[in-house]
C-alpha atoms as a PDB file:
ATOM      1  CA  MET A   1       8.711  -1.956   0.919  1.00  0.00           C
ATOM      2  CA  ASN A   2       6.559  -1.776   4.060  1.00  0.00           C
ATOM      3  CA  THR A   3       5.971  -5.522   4.911  1.00  0.00           C
ATOM      4  CA  ASN A   4       4.184  -4.518   7.974  1.00  0.00           C
ATOM      5  CA  LEU A   5       1.168  -3.605   5.712  1.00  0.00           C
ATOM      6  CA  HIS A   6       0.936  -6.413   3.345  1.00  0.00           C
ATOM      7  CA  ASN A   7       3.223  -9.172   2.101  1.00  0.00           C
ATOM      8  CA  LEU A   8       2.836  -8.700  -1.741  1.00  0.00           C
ATOM      9  CA  LYS A   9       6.377  -8.720  -3.291  1.00  0.00           C
ATOM     10  CA  PRO A  10       7.086  -6.041  -6.129  1.00  0.00           C
ATOM     11  CA  GLY A  11       5.890  -7.125  -9.500  1.00  0.00           C
ATOM     12  CA  TYR A  12       2.773  -7.733 -11.420  1.00  0.00           C
ATOM     13  CA  TYR A  13      -0.323  -9.399 -10.454  1.00  0.00           C
ATOM     14  CA  TRP A  14      -3.770 -10.412 -11.603  1.00  0.00           C
ATOM     15  CA  TYR A  15      -6.231  -9.115  -9.255  1.00  0.00           C
ATOM     16  CA  THR A  16     -10.060  -9.621  -8.855  1.00  0.00           C
ATOM     17  CA  MET A  17     -12.797  -9.276  -6.231  1.00  0.00           C
ATOM     18  CA  ALA A  18     -16.057 -11.364  -6.283  1.00  0.00           C
ATOM     19  CA  ASN A  19     -17.258 -11.739  -9.937  1.00  0.00           C
ATOM     20  CA  ASP A  20     -15.338  -8.801 -11.356  1.00  0.00           C
ATOM     21  CA  PRO A  21     -13.143  -9.249 -14.364  1.00  0.00           C
ATOM     22  CA  LEU A  22      -9.450  -9.762 -13.910  1.00  0.00           C
ATOM     23  CA  ALA A  23      -7.153  -6.693 -13.934  1.00  0.00           C
ATOM     24  CA  VAL A  24      -3.354  -6.073 -13.620  1.00  0.00           C
ATOM     25  CA  ILE A  25      -1.830  -4.354 -10.839  1.00  0.00           C
ATOM     26  CA  HIS A  26       1.906  -3.360 -10.408  1.00  0.00           C
ATOM     27  CA  ILE A  27       3.207  -3.576  -6.820  1.00  0.00           C
ATOM     28  CA  HIS A  28       6.173  -1.042  -6.469  1.00  0.00           C
ATOM     29  CA  ASP A  29       9.311  -1.349  -4.260  1.00  0.00           C
ATOM     30  CA  ASP A  30       7.722   0.891  -1.614  1.00  0.00           C
ATOM     31  CA  GLY A  31       4.423  -1.421  -1.262  1.00  0.00           C
ATOM     32  CA  GLY A  32       2.295   0.952  -3.115  1.00  0.00           C
ATOM     33  CA  ALA A  33       0.641   0.038  -6.491  1.00  0.00           C
ATOM     34  CA  THR A  34      -0.406   1.461  -9.872  1.00  0.00           C
ATOM     35  CA  LEU A  35      -3.389   0.001 -11.519  1.00  0.00           C
ATOM     36  CA  MET A  36      -2.399  -0.889 -14.988  1.00  0.00           C
ATOM     37  CA  GLY A  37      -3.643   1.249 -17.820  1.00  0.00           C
ATOM     38  CA  THR A  38      -4.380   4.261 -15.205  1.00  0.00           C
ATOM     39  CA  ASP A  39      -2.336   6.723 -13.524  1.00  0.00           C
ATOM     40  CA  TYR A  40      -4.151   5.815 -10.201  1.00  0.00           C
ATOM     41  CA  ARG A  41      -1.564   5.190  -7.508  1.00  0.00           C
ATOM     42  CA  LEU A  42      -2.250   3.306  -4.288  1.00  0.00           C
ATOM     43  CA  THR A  43      -0.328   3.754  -1.137  1.00  0.00           C
ATOM     44  CA  PRO A  44       0.850   0.617   0.672  1.00  0.00           C
ATOM     45  CA  GLU A  45      -2.168   1.061   2.946  1.00  0.00           C
ATOM     46  CA  GLY A  46      -4.527   1.199   0.073  1.00  0.00           C
ATOM     47  CA  VAL A  47      -2.989  -2.286  -1.120  1.00  0.00           C
ATOM     48  CA  ALA A  48      -3.509  -3.662   2.335  1.00  0.00           C
ATOM     49  CA  ASP A  49      -7.142  -2.468   2.320  1.00  0.00           C
ATOM     50  CA  MET A  50      -7.758  -4.314  -0.976  1.00  0.00           C
ATOM     51  CA  LEU A  51      -6.568  -7.562   0.670  1.00  0.00           C
ATOM     52  CA  ARG A  52      -8.607  -7.072   3.591  1.00  0.00           C
ATOM     53  CA  GLN A  53     -11.597  -6.569   1.494  1.00  0.00           C
ATOM     54  CA  GLY A  54     -10.997  -9.973  -0.013  1.00  0.00           C
ATOM     55  CA  GLU A  55      -9.457  -9.075  -3.350  1.00  0.00           C
ATOM     56  CA  ARG A  56      -7.425 -11.918  -4.657  1.00  0.00           C
ATOM     57  CA  PHE A  57      -3.838 -11.278  -6.041  1.00  0.00           C
ATOM     58  CA  VAL A  58      -2.131 -13.889  -8.350  1.00  0.00           C
ATOM     59  CA  TRP A  59       1.563 -13.282  -9.269  1.00  0.00           C
ATOM     60  CA  ILE A  60       2.495 -13.099 -12.843  1.00  0.00           C
ATOM     61  CA  GLU A  61       5.832 -14.759 -13.562  1.00  0.00           C
ATOM     62  CA  PRO A  62       8.155 -12.397 -15.187  1.00  0.00           C
ATOM     63  CA  PRO A  63       9.202 -13.584 -18.828  1.00  0.00           C
ATOM     64  CA  GLN A  64      12.620 -15.055 -19.044  1.00  0.00           C
ATOM     65  CA  ALA A  65      15.045 -13.035 -20.620  1.00  0.00           C
END
């Protein structure tokens, strides 16, 4: 993961900006991401841009196996 660009650890997050509805994003080991329900892939730079624009990310705790 490229921690120079953002500090989100790999996993699933709720994210939102302003009054938009919550959505789920999957942060990958390389720092990039996939918007859930789509094939849209973001680079680590794209995730960092989302953070700079004020999007909020809330970690989704993985279920206990």
